[in-house]
Protein backbone atom coordinates (compact mmCIF):
# COMPACT_ATOMS: atom_id res chain seq x y z
CA MET A 1 -43.45 -25.45 -107.01
CA MET A 2 -45.33 -22.66 -105.27
CA LYS A 3 -44.05 -23.82 -101.88
CA ILE A 4 -40.44 -23.93 -103.13
CA SER A 5 -40.75 -20.35 -104.37
CA ILE A 6 -42.10 -19.23 -100.99
CA TYR A 7 -39.26 -21.04 -99.19
CA ILE A 8 -36.67 -19.39 -101.45
CA ARG A 9 -38.15 -15.95 -100.80
CA LEU A 10 -38.26 -16.61 -97.06
CA LEU A 11 -34.67 -17.83 -97.08
CA PHE A 12 -33.60 -14.76 -99.05
CA LEU A 13 -35.38 -12.51 -96.53
CA ILE A 14 -33.71 -14.24 -93.57
CA LEU A 15 -30.33 -13.97 -95.28
CA PHE A 16 -30.94 -10.27 -96.00
CA ILE A 17 -31.90 -9.59 -92.37
CA PHE A 18 -28.83 -11.48 -91.16
CA CYS A 19 -26.50 -9.55 -93.49
CA PHE A 20 -28.09 -6.24 -92.54
CA THR A 21 -27.76 -7.05 -88.82
CA LEU A 22 -24.14 -8.13 -89.29
CA PHE A 23 -23.40 -4.94 -91.23
CA ALA A 24 -25.04 -2.85 -88.50
CA GLU A 25 -23.00 -4.62 -85.82
CA GLN A 26 -19.80 -4.06 -87.77
CA THR A 27 -20.69 -0.42 -88.31
CA ASP A 28 -21.41 -0.05 -84.62
CA LEU A 29 -18.14 -1.76 -83.75
CA ARG A 30 -16.20 0.30 -86.26
CA PRO A 31 -17.55 3.86 -86.25
CA TYR A 32 -14.47 4.97 -88.17
CA LYS A 33 -13.58 4.50 -91.81
CA LEU A 34 -10.21 2.90 -92.50
CA ILE A 35 -8.56 4.24 -95.65
CA ASN A 36 -5.09 2.73 -95.27
CA ALA A 37 -2.70 0.93 -92.92
CA ASP A 38 0.29 -1.26 -93.69
CA LYS A 39 -0.68 -3.70 -90.95
CA LEU A 40 -3.90 -4.34 -89.01
CA ILE A 41 -4.22 -6.41 -85.84
CA VAL A 42 -7.52 -6.93 -84.00
CA LYS A 43 -7.57 -8.31 -80.49
CA LYS A 44 -10.05 -8.55 -77.66
CA VAL A 45 -8.99 -7.27 -74.24
CA ASN A 46 -11.60 -8.09 -71.60
CA GLU A 47 -14.80 -6.71 -73.15
CA GLU A 48 -13.00 -4.27 -75.43
CA VAL A 49 -12.06 -4.76 -79.07
CA VAL A 50 -8.72 -3.08 -79.79
CA THR A 51 -7.55 -2.50 -83.34
CA ASN A 52 -3.83 -1.84 -83.87
CA LEU A 53 -3.00 0.01 -87.07
CA ILE A 54 0.66 0.17 -88.03
CA GLY A 55 2.33 2.10 -90.84
CA LYS A 56 0.91 4.91 -93.01
CA VAL A 57 -2.32 5.02 -91.05
CA HIS A 58 -5.15 6.99 -92.66
CA ILE A 59 -8.66 6.98 -91.17
CA PHE A 60 -11.80 9.09 -90.94
CA TYR A 61 -13.72 9.51 -87.70
CA GLY A 62 -16.90 11.23 -88.83
CA ASP A 63 -15.82 14.29 -90.79
CA THR A 64 -12.41 14.43 -89.12
CA GLU A 65 -9.45 13.02 -91.05
CA PHE A 66 -6.42 11.46 -89.30
CA PHE A 67 -2.95 10.40 -90.44
CA ALA A 68 -0.33 8.73 -88.21
CA ASP A 69 2.46 6.16 -88.09
CA THR A 70 0.65 4.02 -85.51
CA ALA A 71 -2.85 3.97 -84.01
CA ASP A 72 -4.71 2.00 -81.36
CA ILE A 73 -8.50 2.16 -81.63
CA PHE A 74 -10.67 1.09 -78.71
CA GLU A 75 -13.82 0.39 -80.65
CA LYS A 76 -16.42 0.05 -77.89
CA GLN A 77 -15.16 3.11 -76.01
CA ASN A 78 -14.78 5.09 -79.23
CA ILE A 79 -11.27 6.17 -78.27
CA ALA A 80 -8.31 6.46 -80.63
CA ARG A 81 -4.66 6.88 -79.65
CA MET A 82 -2.14 7.76 -82.35
CA TRP A 83 1.64 8.20 -82.43
CA GLY A 84 4.19 9.48 -84.86
CA ASN A 85 3.67 12.29 -87.37
CA VAL A 86 0.04 12.67 -86.38
CA GLN A 87 -2.00 14.92 -88.66
CA ILE A 88 -5.62 15.93 -88.12
CA PHE A 89 -7.78 17.88 -90.55
CA ASP A 90 -11.05 19.29 -89.25
CA ASP A 91 -12.83 21.98 -91.27
CA SER A 92 -10.64 25.13 -91.16
CA LEU A 93 -8.26 23.72 -88.52
CA SER A 94 -5.24 21.51 -89.18
CA LEU A 95 -3.41 19.91 -86.24
CA TYR A 96 -0.03 18.18 -86.04
CA ALA A 97 1.61 16.43 -83.06
CA ASP A 98 3.77 13.54 -81.90
CA LYS A 99 0.84 11.92 -80.09
CA ILE A 100 -2.93 12.40 -79.73
CA ASP A 101 -5.77 10.89 -77.75
CA TYR A 102 -9.15 11.28 -79.43
CA PHE A 103 -12.42 10.73 -77.55
CA ARG A 104 -15.09 10.34 -80.20
CA GLU A 105 -18.17 10.52 -77.93
CA THR A 106 -17.20 13.91 -76.45
CA GLU A 107 -15.26 15.06 -79.54
CA LYS A 108 -12.23 16.00 -77.45
CA LEU A 109 -8.65 15.75 -78.68
CA TYR A 110 -5.54 15.83 -76.49
CA LEU A 111 -2.30 16.49 -78.36
CA ASP A 112 1.23 16.15 -76.97
CA GLY A 113 4.71 16.86 -78.27
CA ASN A 114 5.68 19.42 -80.92
CA VAL A 115 2.08 20.48 -81.40
CA PHE A 116 1.42 22.73 -84.38
CA ALA A 117 -1.99 24.07 -85.40
CA GLU A 118 -3.02 26.12 -88.41
CA GLU A 119 -6.34 27.92 -88.72
CA ALA A 120 -7.36 29.06 -92.20
CA HIS A 121 -9.38 32.27 -92.55
CA VAL A 122 -11.90 33.11 -95.26
CA ASP A 123 -9.57 35.84 -96.58
CA SER A 124 -6.88 33.18 -97.24
CA THR A 125 -4.72 34.33 -94.31
CA ILE A 126 -3.75 31.92 -91.53
CA ARG A 127 -3.21 31.89 -87.78
CA THR A 128 -0.74 29.37 -86.36
CA PHE A 129 -0.07 27.96 -82.89
CA GLU A 130 2.81 25.98 -81.43
CA ALA A 131 2.89 24.37 -77.97
CA ASP A 132 4.00 21.36 -75.98
CA HIS A 133 0.40 20.36 -75.20
CA VAL A 134 -2.98 21.22 -76.72
CA GLU A 135 -6.56 20.31 -75.87
CA TYR A 136 -9.10 20.85 -78.63
CA PHE A 137 -12.82 20.47 -77.93
CA ARG A 138 -14.29 19.99 -81.38
CA ASN A 139 -18.00 20.51 -80.63
CA GLU A 140 -17.41 23.70 -78.66
CA ARG A 141 -14.59 24.88 -80.97
CA GLU A 142 -12.39 25.60 -77.96
CA PHE A 143 -8.59 25.44 -78.15
CA TYR A 144 -6.30 25.29 -75.09
CA ALA A 145 -2.51 25.40 -75.44
CA LEU A 146 -0.03 24.84 -72.61
CA ASP A 147 3.73 25.32 -72.21
CA ASN A 148 6.05 27.09 -74.67
CA VAL A 149 3.12 28.54 -76.57
CA PHE A 150 3.83 30.60 -79.69
CA SER A 151 1.22 32.07 -82.02
CA TYR A 152 1.29 34.08 -85.24
CA ASP A 153 -1.56 35.92 -86.96
CA GLN A 154 -0.82 36.64 -90.61
CA ARG A 155 -3.69 39.07 -91.17
CA GLU A 156 -2.70 41.43 -88.32
CA ASN A 157 1.01 40.51 -88.39
CA ILE A 158 1.01 39.79 -84.66
CA GLN A 159 3.22 37.33 -82.77
CA ALA A 160 2.43 36.03 -79.28
CA GLU A 161 4.26 33.98 -76.65
CA CYS A 162 3.04 32.69 -73.29
CA GLY A 163 2.82 29.69 -71.00
CA ARG A 164 -0.91 29.18 -71.49
CA LEU A 165 -3.37 30.22 -74.20
CA ASN A 166 -7.15 29.80 -74.35
CA TYR A 167 -8.80 30.44 -77.72
CA TYR A 168 -12.51 30.30 -78.58
CA LEU A 169 -12.69 29.95 -82.34
CA ASN A 170 -16.37 30.77 -82.82
CA ASP A 171 -16.02 34.10 -81.01
CA GLY A 172 -12.57 35.07 -82.27
CA TYR A 173 -11.67 35.64 -78.60
CA GLY A 174 -8.66 34.41 -76.71
CA TYR A 175 -6.42 35.22 -73.78
CA LEU A 176 -2.79 34.61 -72.84
CA LEU A 177 -1.49 33.84 -69.36
CA VAL A 178 1.87 32.98 -67.75
CA ARG A 179 4.39 35.61 -68.90
CA PRO A 180 2.45 36.58 -72.03
CA GLN A 181 4.09 38.75 -74.67
CA LEU A 182 2.54 40.25 -77.79
CA ARG A 183 4.48 41.75 -80.69
CA LEU A 184 2.69 44.06 -83.12
CA MET A 185 5.08 43.73 -86.01
CA ASP A 186 3.46 46.50 -88.07
CA GLN A 187 3.88 49.02 -85.26
CA ASP A 188 7.67 49.39 -85.22
CA SER A 189 7.89 45.97 -83.54
CA LEU A 190 5.89 47.10 -80.51
CA GLU A 191 6.16 44.54 -77.68
CA ILE A 192 3.49 44.23 -74.98
CA SER A 193 3.85 42.14 -71.83
CA ALA A 194 1.47 41.82 -68.87
CA GLU A 195 0.01 39.32 -66.44
CA LYS A 196 -2.92 38.73 -68.80
CA ILE A 197 -3.46 39.69 -72.45
CA GLU A 198 -6.85 39.29 -74.17
CA TYR A 199 -7.76 39.71 -77.81
CA PHE A 200 -11.23 40.25 -79.23
CA LYS A 201 -12.66 39.72 -82.72
CA ASP A 202 -9.40 38.37 -84.10
CA TYR A 203 -7.11 41.07 -82.69
CA GLU A 204 -9.33 44.03 -83.59
CA LYS A 205 -9.05 44.91 -79.90
CA VAL A 206 -6.33 43.91 -77.43
CA VAL A 207 -6.61 44.28 -73.64
CA ALA A 208 -3.63 43.88 -71.30
CA THR A 209 -4.00 43.98 -67.51
CA PHE A 210 -1.62 44.27 -64.54
CA ASN A 211 2.08 45.05 -64.78
CA VAL A 212 1.68 46.10 -68.39
CA GLU A 213 4.89 47.03 -70.20
CA THR A 214 5.07 48.29 -73.77
CA VAL A 215 8.52 48.49 -75.36
CA SER A 216 9.58 49.93 -78.68
CA GLY A 217 12.95 50.98 -80.06
CA ASP A 218 12.47 54.56 -78.85
CA PHE A 219 10.38 54.33 -75.68
CA LYS A 220 8.88 52.21 -72.89
CA ILE A 221 5.46 52.60 -71.26
CA ASN A 222 4.41 50.99 -67.97
CA SER A 223 0.82 50.87 -66.71
CA ASP A 224 -1.82 48.68 -65.07
CA PHE A 225 -4.18 48.59 -68.05
CA LEU A 226 -3.92 48.82 -71.83
CA LEU A 227 -6.53 48.96 -74.60
CA TYR A 228 -5.34 48.69 -78.21
CA PHE A 229 -7.64 49.23 -81.21
CA ALA A 230 -6.19 47.86 -84.45
CA ASP A 231 -8.48 49.77 -86.83
CA GLU A 232 -7.68 53.13 -85.22
CA GLU A 233 -4.04 52.23 -84.52
CA LYS A 234 -4.61 53.63 -81.05
CA ALA A 235 -3.49 52.52 -77.58
CA ILE A 236 -5.00 53.75 -74.30
CA TYR A 237 -3.00 53.34 -71.07
CA GLN A 238 -4.56 53.73 -67.63
CA GLY A 239 -3.54 52.91 -64.08
CA ASN A 240 -0.49 55.06 -63.26
CA PRO A 241 1.01 55.03 -66.75
CA SER A 242 4.59 56.22 -67.21
CA PHE A 243 6.51 56.95 -70.41
CA ILE A 244 10.31 56.61 -70.55
CA SER A 245 12.63 57.53 -73.42
CA ASP A 246 16.12 58.94 -73.88
CA PHE A 247 14.69 62.43 -74.33
CA ALA A 248 11.73 62.55 -71.92
CA ASP A 249 9.97 60.83 -69.03
CA ALA A 250 6.24 61.40 -68.51
CA ILE A 251 3.43 60.52 -66.11
CA ALA A 252 -0.33 61.19 -66.23
CA MET A 253 -3.62 59.56 -65.33
CA GLU A 254 -4.11 58.42 -68.93
CA PHE A 255 -2.04 58.10 -72.09
CA GLN A 256 -3.47 57.90 -75.60
CA ILE A 257 -0.87 56.79 -78.15
CA TYR A 258 -1.48 56.92 -81.91
CA PHE A 259 0.52 55.13 -84.58
CA GLY A 260 1.08 55.77 -88.27
CA GLU A 261 3.35 54.18 -90.85
CA GLN A 262 4.51 51.63 -88.26
CA LYS A 263 5.75 54.24 -85.73
CA ILE A 264 4.32 56.35 -82.92
CA SER A 265 2.93 59.55 -84.45
CA ARG A 266 1.13 61.30 -81.60
CA ALA A 267 0.74 61.01 -77.82
CA MET A 268 -1.94 62.59 -75.65
CA LEU A 269 -1.47 62.81 -71.86
CA LEU A 270 -4.59 63.51 -69.79
CA ASP A 271 -5.02 64.71 -66.19
CA SER A 272 -2.16 65.46 -63.75
CA CYS A 273 0.45 65.38 -66.50
CA GLN A 274 4.14 65.95 -65.91
CA VAL A 275 7.00 65.61 -68.37
CA LYS A 276 10.72 65.76 -67.58
CA PHE A 277 13.05 66.15 -70.53
CA LYS A 278 16.54 67.00 -71.71
CA THR A 279 17.47 70.19 -73.46
CA GLU A 280 20.27 70.46 -76.02
CA ASN A 281 23.55 68.90 -74.80
CA ALA A 282 22.09 68.25 -71.33
CA SER A 283 23.13 65.03 -69.63
CA GLU A 284 20.07 64.89 -67.36
CA LYS A 285 16.34 65.45 -67.69
CA ASN A 286 16.28 68.60 -65.57
CA SER A 287 13.63 70.57 -67.46
CA TRP A 288 9.94 69.90 -66.95
CA VAL A 289 6.37 70.82 -67.90
CA SER A 290 3.17 70.07 -65.96
CA ALA A 291 -0.40 70.61 -67.17
CA ASP A 292 -3.90 69.14 -67.28
CA GLN A 293 -3.32 68.00 -70.86
CA ILE A 294 -0.16 67.57 -72.92
CA GLU A 295 0.06 66.50 -76.55
CA PHE A 296 3.21 65.41 -78.39
CA ASP A 297 3.83 65.04 -82.11
CA PHE A 298 6.43 62.53 -83.28
CA GLU A 299 8.42 62.20 -86.47
CA ASP A 300 10.39 59.02 -87.11
CA GLY A 301 9.92 58.13 -83.44
CA LYS A 302 11.29 61.48 -82.15
CA ILE A 303 9.32 64.25 -80.39
CA THR A 304 9.05 67.36 -82.59
CA PHE A 305 6.26 69.37 -80.96
CA CYS A 306 4.65 69.77 -77.53
CA ASP A 307 1.30 71.42 -76.78
CA ALA A 308 0.48 71.75 -73.05
CA GLN A 309 -2.87 73.21 -71.96
CA PHE A 310 -4.58 74.34 -68.74
CA ASN A 311 -2.77 74.97 -65.45
CA VAL A 312 0.55 74.93 -67.23
CA ALA A 313 3.79 75.26 -65.27
CA SER A 314 7.24 74.93 -66.82
CA TYR A 315 10.92 74.97 -65.97
CA PHE A 316 13.61 75.03 -68.67
CA HIS A 317 17.28 74.54 -67.91
CA GLN A 318 19.55 75.23 -70.89
CA GLU A 319 23.27 74.50 -70.57
CA LYS A 320 25.74 76.85 -72.24
CA THR A 321 26.66 75.89 -75.80
CA GLU A 322 28.65 77.52 -78.59
CA SER A 323 25.50 79.18 -79.88
CA ARG A 324 23.49 79.64 -76.66
CA ASP A 325 24.01 81.14 -73.22
CA PHE A 326 23.17 79.36 -69.99
CA THR A 327 19.50 80.05 -69.21
CA ILE A 328 16.77 79.13 -66.75
CA ASN A 329 13.16 79.89 -67.60
CA GLU A 330 10.29 79.37 -65.13
CA ALA A 331 6.73 80.24 -66.15
CA THR A 332 3.03 79.52 -65.65
CA GLY A 333 0.14 80.06 -68.03
CA VAL A 334 -2.82 78.52 -69.84
CA ARG A 335 -1.07 77.13 -72.90
CA LEU A 336 2.53 76.28 -73.80
CA LEU A 337 3.85 75.45 -77.28
CA ILE A 338 7.33 74.00 -77.81
CA ASN A 339 9.02 73.24 -81.13
CA ILE A 340 11.85 70.69 -80.95
CA SER A 341 14.34 69.91 -83.71
CA GLU A 342 17.14 67.38 -84.27
CA GLY A 343 19.25 66.51 -81.23
CA ASN A 344 16.54 67.54 -78.73
CA LYS A 345 17.16 71.17 -79.59
CA ILE A 346 14.34 73.42 -78.38
CA ASP A 347 13.78 75.98 -81.13
CA THR A 348 10.88 77.98 -79.70
CA ILE A 349 8.95 78.24 -76.43
CA ASP A 350 5.64 80.12 -76.49
CA MET A 351 3.53 80.59 -73.36
CA HIS A 352 0.04 82.02 -73.84
CA ARG A 353 -2.58 83.70 -71.60
CA ALA A 354 -2.13 84.72 -67.97
CA VAL A 355 1.61 84.29 -68.26
CA GLN A 356 3.78 84.74 -65.18
CA GLY A 357 7.41 83.79 -64.91
CA MET A 358 11.07 84.38 -64.32
CA TYR A 359 13.96 84.32 -66.77
CA LYS A 360 17.63 83.91 -65.79
CA PHE A 361 20.65 83.84 -68.04
CA LYS A 362 24.44 83.84 -67.76
CA LYS A 363 27.01 84.67 -70.43
């Protein structure tokens, strides 16, 4: 009786070890968790075990959740290929595509066709991406989008387009290449294009380099370099910047542009500044001011005030109107103040300190 009991215990132990080993082998063979599939086919190809999942596929690979119409899982290589309405949910990132290849060992995903990604922020806002192709490296939290890339940031209300986008989620840093364009929708639909556009700390700072062009409804600025600070609503242009509008054209070594209530509110020109502008009823910009520093105030996108300081030189050409005679005014001084009203009408011109000049008029 004692021996039978020992044999039973030994048999139970052997059976337990066998079941545990079998379970471990199955777990090793199937590192994913199958939630649902309409049809499952398992076949062996050479040394590989391939599982075909067809119809309403739902699986977990680690903490990452997948949905698709069809999936092929190469169980020894830990590779999954999925087609049709593919959906991937990984922490704060949701991914959608026509097709994906997932490499479990390196945690790399390659998405193709109508790729859409949505990143959820802690403040309940989202950032979205669209592209033809995306590579997502899950361990490194690196996101690479290629061809017909479009992005939208809800928090900053910024849209972006380019041919290639690299985004590093942990750092909140990314850059756009291949005809990149950025639209700051809160700033009177300000559009920025350049050879390269970078954003730091989730668009708190934007840097654009080489062939930079900024376009708004009222003006255009060209330069080699742009810095934009979202918190200050301030843009700094360097590298031969030029400002072009219907009323005035300007050049300087540096521009500082300030925004308020979604429009340009103030502009500061620094070092070797020159502005050409129209006077009332003039067809050409044949009046000008040069100085070391020139500041403009704007109202509803229009220049209302000009303050030029240090080494100021000016030339004003006023065509004859019903209320004004033809005049030419040339002067130099330390400071020049100009008040401008509706229709580019110059109301007052005040030159201060060490003033020299010439005034011509004709009835």
